Amino acid sequence: MASKKQLGGTGKVGLFDHLRAPKGKVWISFDKPTFVEGEGVVGKVNVQAQEYIQSLGVRVEARVFENYEEMVWVTLPNNQRIQERQRRQNVLFSRDVQVTGPNDFGSGPTQTFPFSVGIPPCRATRGGATVENSIKAVVQVKGRPDLTGQTQVAFVPPSSMPQPMQGYMPPGYPVPQGYGPPGYNPGYNPNPAYGVPTGPGYGQPMPGYGMPPQGQMPQQQVAQVRCKYCQSLMNQNSANCPNCGAHQ
């Protein structure tokens, strides 16, 4: 605990010191620049104090705002009523997450506190409106204004994230042994029967294919004669003519 001399030099506390914001700053740093809709927002709250600050706790406030403009009636000083376009803001989502409990901060190195908060995807409810995803870090100070820092969160829909091409393998990616076309990787052994029915002996000529079986002599040709009736050629051993059917 710091002494009063360290706090104010003279030890006197001013009448309006409770209205004065503490000297220091707080900001948020995210673990990555963009988040996919539906995933938790992860980051750190950074607190840098330039004087003694008695804190009641640190929290983050997640908000989704809908910003839009609308025409409203206003009364001028001369009691004339006119319409003018004014900016409006709705809160579509609100969530507070306590990051740390009571803590005292003093001049010195920046202190960091990790956090994680979920923000659901929200869509505008009015035509022409814009949606703003915001996270504010709050250092609650005892008896004095809070120390705050606010930033926006960038979200992208899941469909916009790059998807790897099916079958694509980037250069230098480890290739399993035996994978790829012949010569691409040592050990490649393609399935010879891939894509077609397999059977015994597939990929090799059947026994005797393209040549006479071993151990058998070609059959001797039989002498041809002409039919007695139609004069067609026929084997001399045939009993009937294969053309006219006459008995020989």
Protein backbone atom coordinates (compact mmCIF):
# COMPACT_ATOMS: atom_id res chain seq x y z
CA MET A 1 0.00 0.00 0.00
CA ALA A 2 1.39 3.36 -1.02
CA SER A 3 1.72 6.17 1.54
CA LYS A 4 -0.15 9.50 1.33
CA LYS A 5 3.08 11.25 0.39
CA GLN A 6 3.36 8.89 -2.56
CA LEU A 7 -0.25 9.52 -3.50
CA GLY A 8 -0.40 13.27 -3.55
CA GLY A 9 2.95 14.62 -2.44
CA THR A 10 1.53 16.80 0.36
CA GLY A 11 -0.93 14.23 1.65
CA LYS A 12 -3.87 16.58 1.10
CA VAL A 13 -6.86 15.40 -0.89
CA GLY A 14 -8.59 18.01 -3.04
CA LEU A 15 -12.28 18.73 -2.72
CA PHE A 16 -13.01 17.69 -6.31
CA ASP A 17 -10.53 14.82 -6.58
CA HIS A 18 -13.43 12.37 -6.57
CA LEU A 19 -14.50 13.88 -9.89
CA ARG A 20 -11.06 13.62 -11.46
CA ALA A 21 -10.30 10.60 -13.62
CA PRO A 22 -7.23 8.64 -12.53
CA LYS A 23 -4.04 9.09 -14.51
CA GLY A 24 -3.44 6.04 -16.66
CA LYS A 25 -4.85 4.19 -19.60
CA VAL A 26 -6.48 0.87 -20.38
CA TRP A 27 -6.80 -0.79 -23.77
CA ILE A 28 -7.71 -4.12 -25.33
CA SER A 29 -5.54 -6.29 -27.56
CA PHE A 30 -7.04 -9.27 -29.40
CA ASP A 31 -5.35 -12.60 -30.04
CA LYS A 32 -6.11 -12.25 -33.78
CA PRO A 33 -7.38 -9.47 -36.06
CA THR A 34 -10.71 -11.08 -37.03
CA PHE A 35 -13.01 -13.71 -35.55
CA VAL A 36 -15.48 -16.08 -37.17
CA GLU A 37 -19.10 -15.43 -36.28
CA GLY A 38 -20.10 -17.58 -33.31
CA GLU A 39 -16.63 -18.14 -31.86
CA GLY A 40 -15.47 -16.58 -28.60
CA VAL A 41 -13.56 -13.31 -28.67
CA VAL A 42 -10.23 -13.83 -26.90
CA GLY A 43 -7.78 -11.13 -25.92
CA LYS A 44 -6.17 -9.19 -23.07
CA VAL A 45 -6.98 -6.12 -21.01
CA ASN A 46 -3.88 -3.94 -20.60
CA VAL A 47 -3.70 -1.50 -17.68
CA GLN A 48 -0.99 1.13 -17.32
CA ALA A 49 -1.27 3.40 -14.26
CA GLN A 50 0.59 6.67 -13.83
CA GLU A 51 -0.44 7.07 -10.19
CA TYR A 52 -1.77 4.94 -7.39
CA ILE A 53 -5.19 3.55 -8.35
CA GLN A 54 -7.32 1.55 -5.96
CA SER A 55 -9.41 -0.66 -8.21
CA LEU A 56 -12.55 -2.58 -7.28
CA GLY A 57 -12.10 -4.89 -10.27
CA VAL A 58 -11.59 -5.11 -14.03
CA ARG A 59 -14.30 -6.20 -16.45
CA VAL A 60 -15.09 -6.20 -20.16
CA GLU A 61 -18.42 -5.04 -21.55
CA ALA A 62 -19.42 -6.68 -24.85
CA ARG A 63 -22.06 -4.77 -26.83
CA VAL A 64 -23.65 -5.02 -30.26
CA PHE A 65 -25.05 -1.67 -31.39
CA GLU A 66 -27.41 -0.92 -34.24
CA ASN A 67 -26.71 2.54 -35.65
CA TYR A 68 -29.30 4.23 -37.84
CA GLU A 69 -30.88 7.59 -38.70
CA GLU A 70 -34.50 8.66 -38.54
CA MET A 71 -36.56 11.78 -39.15
CA VAL A 72 -37.86 13.46 -35.99
CA TRP A 73 -39.84 16.60 -35.26
CA VAL A 74 -37.97 19.37 -33.42
CA THR A 75 -39.12 22.76 -32.17
CA LEU A 76 -37.00 25.78 -32.98
CA PRO A 77 -36.57 28.76 -30.61
CA ASN A 78 -39.27 30.62 -32.56
CA ASN A 79 -41.68 27.72 -31.87
CA GLN A 80 -41.51 26.58 -35.46
CA ARG A 81 -41.59 22.80 -35.82
CA ILE A 82 -39.46 21.17 -38.47
CA GLN A 83 -38.24 17.67 -39.28
CA GLU A 84 -34.56 16.80 -39.16
CA ARG A 85 -32.55 13.62 -39.46
CA GLN A 86 -30.98 12.44 -36.21
CA ARG A 87 -28.67 9.57 -35.35
CA ARG A 88 -30.05 6.80 -33.17
CA GLN A 89 -28.55 3.71 -31.56
CA ASN A 90 -30.10 0.49 -30.26
CA VAL A 91 -28.42 -2.19 -28.17
CA LEU A 92 -28.94 -5.60 -29.81
CA PHE A 93 -26.76 -7.54 -27.35
CA SER A 94 -25.14 -6.87 -23.97
CA ARG A 95 -22.86 -8.97 -21.78
CA ASP A 96 -20.39 -8.09 -18.99
CA VAL A 97 -17.57 -10.42 -17.97
CA GLN A 98 -15.53 -9.92 -14.81
CA VAL A 99 -11.84 -10.25 -15.64
CA THR A 100 -10.28 -9.78 -12.19
CA GLY A 101 -11.29 -8.74 -8.69
CA PRO A 102 -10.06 -5.86 -6.50
CA ASN A 103 -6.53 -4.82 -7.30
CA ASP A 104 -4.20 -1.90 -6.63
CA PHE A 105 -2.30 -0.36 -9.53
CA GLY A 106 0.76 1.83 -9.25
CA SER A 107 3.25 3.46 -11.57
CA GLY A 108 5.24 0.73 -13.25
CA PRO A 109 5.04 -1.88 -15.99
CA THR A 110 1.80 -2.56 -17.84
CA GLN A 111 -0.33 -5.29 -16.29
CA THR A 112 -2.28 -7.62 -18.58
CA PHE A 113 -5.35 -9.74 -17.86
CA PRO A 114 -6.61 -12.37 -20.36
CA PHE A 115 -10.32 -12.57 -21.13
CA SER A 116 -12.80 -14.42 -23.33
CA VAL A 117 -16.34 -13.35 -24.15
CA GLY A 118 -18.95 -14.67 -26.56
CA ILE A 119 -20.77 -12.35 -28.97
CA PRO A 120 -23.54 -13.92 -31.09
CA PRO A 121 -24.08 -12.88 -34.73
CA CYS A 122 -26.56 -9.99 -34.89
CA ARG A 123 -28.25 -8.47 -37.94
CA ALA A 124 -29.71 -5.01 -38.41
CA THR A 125 -33.45 -4.72 -37.80
CA ARG A 126 -33.88 -1.55 -39.88
CA GLY A 127 -33.12 -0.75 -43.47
CA GLY A 128 -29.92 1.22 -43.91
CA ALA A 129 -28.74 0.50 -40.36
CA THR A 130 -25.22 -0.68 -39.52
CA VAL A 131 -24.15 -3.14 -36.83
CA GLU A 132 -21.20 -2.37 -34.56
CA ASN A 133 -19.55 -5.01 -32.36
CA SER A 134 -17.81 -3.34 -29.44
CA ILE A 135 -15.82 -4.36 -26.37
CA LYS A 136 -14.99 -1.90 -23.60
CA ALA A 137 -12.47 -2.54 -20.84
CA VAL A 138 -13.41 -0.97 -17.49
CA VAL A 139 -11.15 -0.50 -14.49
CA GLN A 140 -13.57 0.30 -11.68
CA VAL A 141 -11.93 2.88 -9.37
CA LYS A 142 -13.05 3.37 -5.78
CA GLY A 143 -14.55 6.82 -5.24
CA ARG A 144 -13.46 8.15 -8.64
CA PRO A 145 -14.48 7.85 -12.31
CA ASP A 146 -13.68 4.54 -13.96
CA LEU A 147 -10.74 4.11 -16.29
CA THR A 148 -12.06 2.82 -19.65
CA GLY A 149 -10.89 1.87 -23.13
CA GLN A 150 -13.14 0.78 -26.00
CA THR A 151 -12.52 -0.90 -29.35
CA GLN A 152 -14.46 -2.65 -32.10
CA VAL A 153 -14.39 -6.35 -32.99
CA ALA A 154 -14.22 -7.54 -36.60
CA PHE A 155 -16.25 -10.64 -37.51
CA VAL A 156 -16.43 -12.63 -40.75
CA PRO A 157 -19.06 -15.23 -41.70
CA PRO A 158 -17.90 -18.87 -41.72
CA SER A 159 -18.48 -19.14 -45.50
CA SER A 160 -15.88 -16.43 -46.19
CA MET A 161 -13.03 -18.36 -44.53
CA PRO A 162 -10.69 -19.98 -47.10
CA GLN A 163 -11.31 -23.71 -47.49
CA PRO A 164 -8.56 -26.11 -48.62
CA MET A 165 -9.12 -27.62 -52.05
CA GLN A 166 -9.99 -31.28 -52.01
CA GLY A 167 -6.90 -33.29 -52.79
CA TYR A 168 -4.67 -30.20 -52.68
CA MET A 169 -1.34 -30.69 -50.96
CA PRO A 170 0.85 -27.59 -50.49
CA PRO A 171 4.56 -27.83 -51.33
CA GLY A 172 6.65 -29.24 -48.55
CA TYR A 173 3.71 -31.01 -46.93
CA PRO A 174 4.80 -34.42 -45.57
CA VAL A 175 3.68 -37.18 -47.90
CA PRO A 176 2.87 -40.62 -46.47
CA GLN A 177 5.09 -43.39 -47.75
CA GLY A 178 3.61 -45.00 -50.83
CA TYR A 179 1.33 -42.04 -51.69
CA GLY A 180 1.17 -40.41 -55.12
CA PRO A 181 1.78 -41.44 -58.74
CA PRO A 182 4.73 -43.62 -59.77
CA GLY A 183 8.01 -41.80 -59.30
CA TYR A 184 6.39 -39.14 -57.06
CA ASN A 185 7.24 -40.84 -53.82
CA PRO A 186 9.42 -43.89 -53.16
CA GLY A 187 7.42 -46.87 -52.06
CA TYR A 188 4.37 -46.05 -54.17
CA ASN A 189 2.49 -49.25 -54.92
CA PRO A 190 -0.75 -48.60 -56.81
CA ASN A 191 -3.54 -51.12 -56.70
CA PRO A 192 -3.45 -52.88 -60.11
CA ALA A 193 -7.13 -53.66 -59.89
CA TYR A 194 -8.34 -50.19 -58.75
CA GLY A 195 -11.63 -49.25 -60.37
CA VAL A 196 -12.29 -52.63 -62.07
CA PRO A 197 -13.48 -56.03 -60.84
CA THR A 198 -10.71 -58.28 -59.71
CA GLY A 199 -10.37 -62.00 -60.20
CA PRO A 200 -7.84 -64.76 -60.04
CA GLY A 201 -5.01 -64.06 -62.38
CA TYR A 202 -6.05 -60.48 -63.15
CA GLY A 203 -3.21 -58.47 -64.68
CA GLN A 204 -1.46 -61.59 -66.06
CA PRO A 205 -2.27 -63.58 -69.24
CA MET A 206 -4.35 -66.66 -68.69
CA PRO A 207 -2.52 -69.98 -69.19
CA GLY A 208 -2.33 -70.73 -72.85
CA TYR A 209 -3.49 -67.26 -73.94
CA GLY A 210 -2.13 -66.43 -77.45
CA MET A 211 -0.36 -69.78 -77.96
CA PRO A 212 -1.38 -73.45 -78.26
CA PRO A 213 -1.28 -75.39 -75.00
CA GLN A 214 2.00 -77.10 -74.39
CA GLY A 215 2.04 -80.83 -75.04
CA GLN A 216 -0.78 -80.69 -77.67
CA MET A 217 -0.31 -80.86 -81.45
CA PRO A 218 -2.46 -78.81 -83.84
CA GLN A 219 -5.34 -80.81 -85.33
CA GLN A 220 -4.78 -82.18 -88.88
CA GLN A 221 -6.97 -80.70 -91.60
CA VAL A 222 -9.72 -82.96 -93.07
CA ALA A 223 -9.99 -83.36 -96.86
CA GLN A 224 -12.87 -81.47 -98.56
CA VAL A 225 -15.20 -82.94 -101.20
CA ARG A 226 -18.19 -81.56 -103.12
CA CYS A 227 -21.81 -82.52 -102.45
CA LYS A 228 -23.29 -84.80 -105.08
CA TYR A 229 -26.41 -82.63 -105.33
CA CYS A 230 -25.54 -78.94 -104.62
CA GLN A 231 -21.78 -79.08 -105.27
CA SER A 232 -20.96 -77.31 -101.93
CA LEU A 233 -17.71 -78.14 -100.15
CA MET A 234 -17.97 -80.48 -97.20
CA ASN A 235 -15.78 -82.79 -95.13
CA GLN A 236 -15.32 -86.10 -96.78
CA ASN A 237 -16.31 -87.87 -93.56
CA SER A 238 -19.69 -86.07 -93.29
CA ALA A 239 -22.79 -88.24 -93.81
CA ASN A 240 -25.03 -85.32 -94.82
CA CYS A 241 -24.31 -82.09 -96.71
CA PRO A 242 -24.27 -79.08 -94.29
CA ASN A 243 -25.73 -76.90 -97.10
CA CYS A 244 -28.63 -78.91 -98.59
CA GLY A 245 -28.81 -81.79 -96.09
CA ALA A 246 -28.67 -84.47 -98.76
CA HIS A 247 -27.35 -87.89 -97.71
CA GLN A 248 -24.01 -88.70 -99.26
